[in-house]
Amino acid sequence: MRFRITGLLLVILLLLVMAFTPSGGLKQLAEDVLSTSGESSSYTGDPLLKFLGRDFREIKDNMGEPVQEGYSSWYGPHHYLLYSKDDGNIRFCSPEGARPREAVSLIAGRGVEVLGVRVGMTFTEIEQLLGQPDYGPEPRSDKLYYIDYFLFDGQLYVSFSAGAPDGPTSDVFIKKQQIQ
């Protein structure tokens, strides 16, 4: 019971501090609070990110049957579950050979919201919510522009892509760095 009250007070304090903190510092503030609270994996409160590190069976139990399930070499060889949500697609990926099949990464398309960001926002809009990216915006060999974040003490890699540095994002790739 005391843990719930402490957690509630922490959330209230975080909301109050965030209300008076410039938006560029929100990313750092959230990471600082989460790392000091001992809950560094609190990104699992996000409706999609909570499935990272989970078995495919558990994802199906919570989200229902996927639109498609299969194997692909896109972003490296992996098995995947494909869902349609919020007018966009979400693909949970498990590396080839993983037993049991565990969602290590996800790819979400336009219209999907994750970490408070809706895919389709511009890099500038994303920076207003998540702060300065750790990398980018820079072009890569596929002629797309990317911004990358390493969030939650490096446990989560997040990469948004767009066709132009000031254009709308087309997708986000998110990978849990430390599978336990």
C-alpha atoms as a PDB file:
ATOM      1  CA  MET A   1       0.000   0.000   0.000  1.00  0.00           C
ATOM      2  CA  ARG A   2       2.846   2.366   0.877  1.00  0.00           C
ATOM      3  CA  PHE A   3       4.476   1.643  -2.531  1.00  0.00           C
ATOM      4  CA  ARG A   4       1.259   2.705  -4.330  1.00  0.00           C
ATOM      5  CA  ILE A   5       1.068   5.961  -2.370  1.00  0.00           C
ATOM      6  CA  THR A   6       4.764   6.640  -2.992  1.00  0.00           C
ATOM      7  CA  GLY A   7       4.305   5.897  -6.707  1.00  0.00           C
ATOM      8  CA  LEU A   8       1.252   8.171  -6.874  1.00  0.00           C
ATOM      9  CA  LEU A   9       3.126  10.980  -5.135  1.00  0.00           C
ATOM     10  CA  LEU A  10       6.039  10.507  -7.529  1.00  0.00           C
ATOM     11  CA  VAL A  11       3.717  10.790 -10.544  1.00  0.00           C
ATOM     12  CA  ILE A  12       2.042  13.907  -9.121  1.00  0.00           C
ATOM     13  CA  LEU A  13       5.440  15.454  -8.408  1.00  0.00           C
ATOM     14  CA  LEU A  14       6.635  14.600 -11.922  1.00  0.00           C
ATOM     15  CA  LEU A  15       3.533  16.206 -13.456  1.00  0.00           C
ATOM     16  CA  LEU A  16       3.986  19.356 -11.374  1.00  0.00           C
ATOM     17  CA  VAL A  17       7.661  19.652 -12.234  1.00  0.00           C
ATOM     18  CA  MET A  18       6.941  18.970 -15.920  1.00  0.00           C
ATOM     19  CA  ALA A  19       4.365  21.766 -15.942  1.00  0.00           C
ATOM     20  CA  PHE A  20       7.108  24.230 -14.970  1.00  0.00           C
ATOM     21  CA  THR A  21       9.986  22.714 -16.978  1.00  0.00           C
ATOM     22  CA  PRO A  22      10.884  23.875 -20.503  1.00  0.00           C
ATOM     23  CA  SER A  23       9.880  21.242 -23.081  1.00  0.00           C
ATOM     24  CA  GLY A  24      13.498  20.582 -24.150  1.00  0.00           C
ATOM     25  CA  GLY A  25      14.213  19.245 -20.671  1.00  0.00           C
ATOM     26  CA  LEU A  26      11.297  16.818 -20.411  1.00  0.00           C
ATOM     27  CA  LYS A  27      13.262  13.875 -21.779  1.00  0.00           C
ATOM     28  CA  GLN A  28      16.070  14.358 -19.275  1.00  0.00           C
ATOM     29  CA  LEU A  29      13.670  15.040 -16.413  1.00  0.00           C
ATOM     30  CA  ALA A  30      11.675  11.868 -17.088  1.00  0.00           C
ATOM     31  CA  GLU A  31      14.832   9.766 -17.340  1.00  0.00           C
ATOM     32  CA  ASP A  32      16.228  11.266 -14.121  1.00  0.00           C
ATOM     33  CA  VAL A  33      13.024  10.609 -12.172  1.00  0.00           C
ATOM     34  CA  LEU A  34      12.679   7.079 -13.538  1.00  0.00           C
ATOM     35  CA  SER A  35      16.300   6.186 -12.843  1.00  0.00           C
ATOM     36  CA  THR A  36      16.150   7.490  -9.268  1.00  0.00           C
ATOM     37  CA  SER A  37      12.827   5.772  -8.554  1.00  0.00           C
ATOM     38  CA  GLY A  38      14.302   2.352  -9.325  1.00  0.00           C
ATOM     39  CA  GLU A  39      11.795   1.825 -12.124  1.00  0.00           C
ATOM     40  CA  SER A  40      14.061   2.309 -15.130  1.00  0.00           C
ATOM     41  CA  SER A  41      11.831   0.106 -17.271  1.00  0.00           C
ATOM     42  CA  SER A  42       8.772   2.298 -16.678  1.00  0.00           C
ATOM     43  CA  TYR A  43       8.434   2.827 -20.419  1.00  0.00           C
ATOM     44  CA  THR A  44       6.369  -0.360 -20.199  1.00  0.00           C
ATOM     45  CA  GLY A  45       3.457   1.881 -19.169  1.00  0.00           C
ATOM     46  CA  ASP A  46       3.143   2.862 -22.843  1.00  0.00           C
ATOM     47  CA  PRO A  47       0.368   0.754 -24.425  1.00  0.00           C
ATOM     48  CA  LEU A  48       2.685  -0.573 -27.163  1.00  0.00           C
ATOM     49  CA  LEU A  49       6.055  -0.620 -25.461  1.00  0.00           C
ATOM     50  CA  LYS A  50       4.775  -2.808 -22.653  1.00  0.00           C
ATOM     51  CA  PHE A  51       4.959  -5.713 -25.118  1.00  0.00           C
ATOM     52  CA  LEU A  52       8.699  -5.396 -25.727  1.00  0.00           C
ATOM     53  CA  GLY A  53      10.425  -8.385 -24.160  1.00  0.00           C
ATOM     54  CA  ARG A  54       7.150 -10.347 -24.095  1.00  0.00           C
ATOM     55  CA  ASP A  55       6.439 -13.709 -25.674  1.00  0.00           C
ATOM     56  CA  PHE A  56       4.380 -13.654 -28.900  1.00  0.00           C
ATOM     57  CA  ARG A  57       1.697 -15.746 -27.155  1.00  0.00           C
ATOM     58  CA  GLU A  58       1.273 -13.046 -24.517  1.00  0.00           C
ATOM     59  CA  ILE A  59       0.955 -10.354 -27.205  1.00  0.00           C
ATOM     60  CA  LYS A  60      -1.747 -12.385 -28.955  1.00  0.00           C
ATOM     61  CA  ASP A  61      -3.550 -12.960 -25.651  1.00  0.00           C
ATOM     62  CA  ASN A  62      -3.714  -9.174 -25.133  1.00  0.00           C
ATOM     63  CA  MET A  63      -4.091  -7.829 -28.677  1.00  0.00           C
ATOM     64  CA  GLY A  64      -5.903 -10.706 -30.375  1.00  0.00           C
ATOM     65  CA  GLU A  65      -4.923 -12.425 -33.584  1.00  0.00           C
ATOM     66  CA  PRO A  66      -2.583 -10.413 -35.799  1.00  0.00           C
ATOM     67  CA  VAL A  67      -3.500  -9.333 -39.321  1.00  0.00           C
ATOM     68  CA  GLN A  68      -0.424 -11.247 -40.447  1.00  0.00           C
ATOM     69  CA  GLU A  69       2.216 -13.467 -38.859  1.00  0.00           C
ATOM     70  CA  GLY A  70       5.368 -14.532 -40.620  1.00  0.00           C
ATOM     71  CA  TYR A  71       9.090 -14.371 -41.280  1.00  0.00           C
ATOM     72  CA  SER A  72      11.079 -11.542 -42.889  1.00  0.00           C
ATOM     73  CA  SER A  73      14.644 -10.384 -43.453  1.00  0.00           C
ATOM     74  CA  TRP A  74      13.664  -6.684 -43.327  1.00  0.00           C
ATOM     75  CA  TYR A  75      15.770  -5.075 -40.528  1.00  0.00           C
ATOM     76  CA  GLY A  76      17.522  -8.446 -40.134  1.00  0.00           C
ATOM     77  CA  PRO A  77      16.043 -11.976 -40.099  1.00  0.00           C
ATOM     78  CA  HIS A  78      13.081 -12.187 -37.729  1.00  0.00           C
ATOM     79  CA  HIS A  79       9.630 -13.571 -37.066  1.00  0.00           C
ATOM     80  CA  TYR A  80       6.870 -10.989 -36.748  1.00  0.00           C
ATOM     81  CA  LEU A  81       3.290 -10.256 -35.737  1.00  0.00           C
ATOM     82  CA  LEU A  82       1.564  -7.486 -37.738  1.00  0.00           C
ATOM     83  CA  TYR A  83      -1.350  -5.540 -36.256  1.00  0.00           C
ATOM     84  CA  SER A  84      -3.377  -2.637 -37.607  1.00  0.00           C
ATOM     85  CA  LYS A  85      -4.064   0.087 -35.017  1.00  0.00           C
ATOM     86  CA  ASP A  86      -4.922   3.799 -35.078  1.00  0.00           C
ATOM     87  CA  ASP A  87      -4.928   3.866 -38.894  1.00  0.00           C
ATOM     88  CA  GLY A  88      -1.377   2.512 -38.938  1.00  0.00           C
ATOM     89  CA  ASN A  89       0.475  -0.782 -38.732  1.00  0.00           C
ATOM     90  CA  ILE A  90       2.489  -2.167 -35.832  1.00  0.00           C
ATOM     91  CA  ARG A  91       4.978  -4.956 -36.396  1.00  0.00           C
ATOM     92  CA  PHE A  92       6.401  -6.792 -33.362  1.00  0.00           C
ATOM     93  CA  CYS A  93       9.699  -8.504 -34.262  1.00  0.00           C
ATOM     94  CA  SER A  94      11.553 -11.444 -32.723  1.00  0.00           C
ATOM     95  CA  PRO A  95      15.068 -12.326 -33.941  1.00  0.00           C
ATOM     96  CA  GLU A  96      15.513 -15.547 -35.848  1.00  0.00           C
ATOM     97  CA  GLY A  97      16.324 -18.384 -33.472  1.00  0.00           C
ATOM     98  CA  ALA A  98      14.840 -16.780 -30.343  1.00  0.00           C
ATOM     99  CA  ARG A  99      13.001 -19.326 -28.218  1.00  0.00           C
ATOM    100  CA  PRO A 100      10.421 -18.551 -27.146  1.00  0.00           C
ATOM    101  CA  ARG A 101       9.593 -15.926 -29.768  1.00  0.00           C
ATOM    102  CA  GLU A 102       9.960 -12.677 -27.894  1.00  0.00           C
ATOM    103  CA  ALA A 103       9.218  -9.156 -29.185  1.00  0.00           C
ATOM    104  CA  VAL A 104      12.597  -7.423 -29.120  1.00  0.00           C
ATOM    105  CA  SER A 105      11.620  -4.579 -31.441  1.00  0.00           C
ATOM    106  CA  LEU A 106       8.661  -2.975 -33.119  1.00  0.00           C
ATOM    107  CA  ILE A 107       8.081  -0.930 -36.236  1.00  0.00           C
ATOM    108  CA  ALA A 108       5.067   1.385 -36.338  1.00  0.00           C
ATOM    109  CA  GLY A 109       3.691   3.368 -39.266  1.00  0.00           C
ATOM    110  CA  ARG A 110       1.825   6.635 -39.674  1.00  0.00           C
ATOM    111  CA  GLY A 111      -1.068   7.218 -37.340  1.00  0.00           C
ATOM    112  CA  VAL A 112       0.325   5.104 -34.491  1.00  0.00           C
ATOM    113  CA  GLU A 113       1.132   6.859 -31.218  1.00  0.00           C
ATOM    114  CA  VAL A 114       4.038   5.751 -29.046  1.00  0.00           C
ATOM    115  CA  LEU A 115       5.829   7.622 -26.237  1.00  0.00           C
ATOM    116  CA  GLY A 116       3.314  10.436 -26.717  1.00  0.00           C
ATOM    117  CA  VAL A 117       4.450  10.947 -30.335  1.00  0.00           C
ATOM    118  CA  ARG A 118       2.197  10.221 -33.306  1.00  0.00           C
ATOM    119  CA  VAL A 119       4.052   8.861 -36.332  1.00  0.00           C
ATOM    120  CA  GLY A 120       3.491  11.486 -39.013  1.00  0.00           C
ATOM    121  CA  MET A 121       4.712  14.386 -36.862  1.00  0.00           C
ATOM    122  CA  THR A 122       7.764  16.291 -38.067  1.00  0.00           C
ATOM    123  CA  PHE A 123      11.163  16.042 -36.399  1.00  0.00           C
ATOM    124  CA  THR A 124      10.610  19.514 -34.914  1.00  0.00           C
ATOM    125  CA  GLU A 125       7.322  18.419 -33.324  1.00  0.00           C
ATOM    126  CA  ILE A 126       8.949  15.261 -31.970  1.00  0.00           C
ATOM    127  CA  GLU A 127      11.837  17.273 -30.483  1.00  0.00           C
ATOM    128  CA  GLN A 128       9.298  19.467 -28.678  1.00  0.00           C
ATOM    129  CA  LEU A 129       7.985  16.335 -26.959  1.00  0.00           C
ATOM    130  CA  LEU A 130      11.099  14.183 -26.487  1.00  0.00           C
ATOM    131  CA  GLY A 131      13.850  16.825 -26.458  1.00  0.00           C
ATOM    132  CA  GLN A 132      17.005  16.999 -28.546  1.00  0.00           C
ATOM    133  CA  PRO A 133      17.706  13.679 -30.314  1.00  0.00           C
ATOM    134  CA  ASP A 134      20.936  11.800 -29.659  1.00  0.00           C
ATOM    135  CA  TYR A 135      21.546  11.661 -33.415  1.00  0.00           C
ATOM    136  CA  GLY A 136      20.198  13.520 -36.434  1.00  0.00           C
ATOM    137  CA  PRO A 137      18.414  14.599 -38.380  1.00  0.00           C
ATOM    138  CA  GLU A 138      20.833  13.065 -40.858  1.00  0.00           C
ATOM    139  CA  PRO A 139      20.360  11.200 -44.139  1.00  0.00           C
ATOM    140  CA  ARG A 140      21.320   7.529 -44.436  1.00  0.00           C
ATOM    141  CA  SER A 141      22.043   5.305 -47.416  1.00  0.00           C
ATOM    142  CA  ASP A 142      18.326   4.685 -48.079  1.00  0.00           C
ATOM    143  CA  LYS A 143      17.873   8.439 -48.784  1.00  0.00           C
ATOM    144  CA  LEU A 144      15.648   8.867 -45.728  1.00  0.00           C
ATOM    145  CA  TYR A 145      16.390  11.213 -42.829  1.00  0.00           C
ATOM    146  CA  TYR A 146      16.515   9.903 -39.266  1.00  0.00           C
ATOM    147  CA  ILE A 147      16.533  11.107 -35.693  1.00  0.00           C
ATOM    148  CA  ASP A 148      17.542   8.646 -32.986  1.00  0.00           C
ATOM    149  CA  TYR A 149      17.044   8.576 -29.238  1.00  0.00           C
ATOM    150  CA  PHE A 150      18.520   6.336 -26.546  1.00  0.00           C
ATOM    151  CA  LEU A 151      15.958   6.536 -23.760  1.00  0.00           C
ATOM    152  CA  PHE A 152      15.645   5.124 -20.251  1.00  0.00           C
ATOM    153  CA  ASP A 153      19.356   4.852 -19.534  1.00  0.00           C
ATOM    154  CA  GLY A 154      20.000   3.357 -22.983  1.00  0.00           C
ATOM    155  CA  GLN A 155      17.482   0.542 -22.547  1.00  0.00           C
ATOM    156  CA  LEU A 156      15.357   1.756 -25.443  1.00  0.00           C
ATOM    157  CA  TYR A 157      16.561   2.732 -28.925  1.00  0.00           C
ATOM    158  CA  VAL A 158      14.022   4.851 -30.860  1.00  0.00           C
ATOM    159  CA  SER A 159      14.508   5.916 -34.483  1.00  0.00           C
ATOM    160  CA  PHE A 160      12.071   8.044 -36.505  1.00  0.00           C
ATOM    161  CA  SER A 161      12.422   8.342 -40.299  1.00  0.00           C
ATOM    162  CA  ALA A 162      11.146  10.897 -42.826  1.00  0.00           C
ATOM    163  CA  GLY A 163      11.617  11.614 -46.522  1.00  0.00           C
ATOM    164  CA  ALA A 164      12.929  15.127 -45.812  1.00  0.00           C
ATOM    165  CA  PRO A 165      14.399  16.883 -42.750  1.00  0.00           C
ATOM    166  CA  ASP A 166      11.242  19.004 -42.421  1.00  0.00           C
ATOM    167  CA  GLY A 167       8.722  16.427 -43.689  1.00  0.00           C
ATOM    168  CA  PRO A 168       6.328  14.184 -41.768  1.00  0.00           C
ATOM    169  CA  THR A 169       7.749  11.001 -40.278  1.00  0.00           C
ATOM    170  CA  SER A 170       6.798   7.768 -42.011  1.00  0.00           C
ATOM    171  CA  ASP A 171       7.676   5.232 -39.323  1.00  0.00           C
ATOM    172  CA  VAL A 172       9.392   4.564 -36.041  1.00  0.00           C
ATOM    173  CA  PHE A 173      11.693   1.663 -35.163  1.00  0.00           C
ATOM    174  CA  ILE A 174      11.992   0.859 -31.449  1.00  0.00           C
ATOM    175  CA  LYS A 175      14.266  -1.777 -29.951  1.00  0.00           C
ATOM    176  CA  LYS A 176      14.628  -2.912 -26.378  1.00  0.00           C
ATOM    177  CA  GLN A 177      18.374  -2.969 -25.846  1.00  0.00           C
ATOM    178  CA  GLN A 178      18.548  -5.258 -22.814  1.00  0.00           C
ATOM    179  CA  ILE A 179      16.391  -8.347 -22.986  1.00  0.00           C
ATOM    180  CA  GLN A 180      16.305 -10.116 -19.627  1.00  0.00           C
END
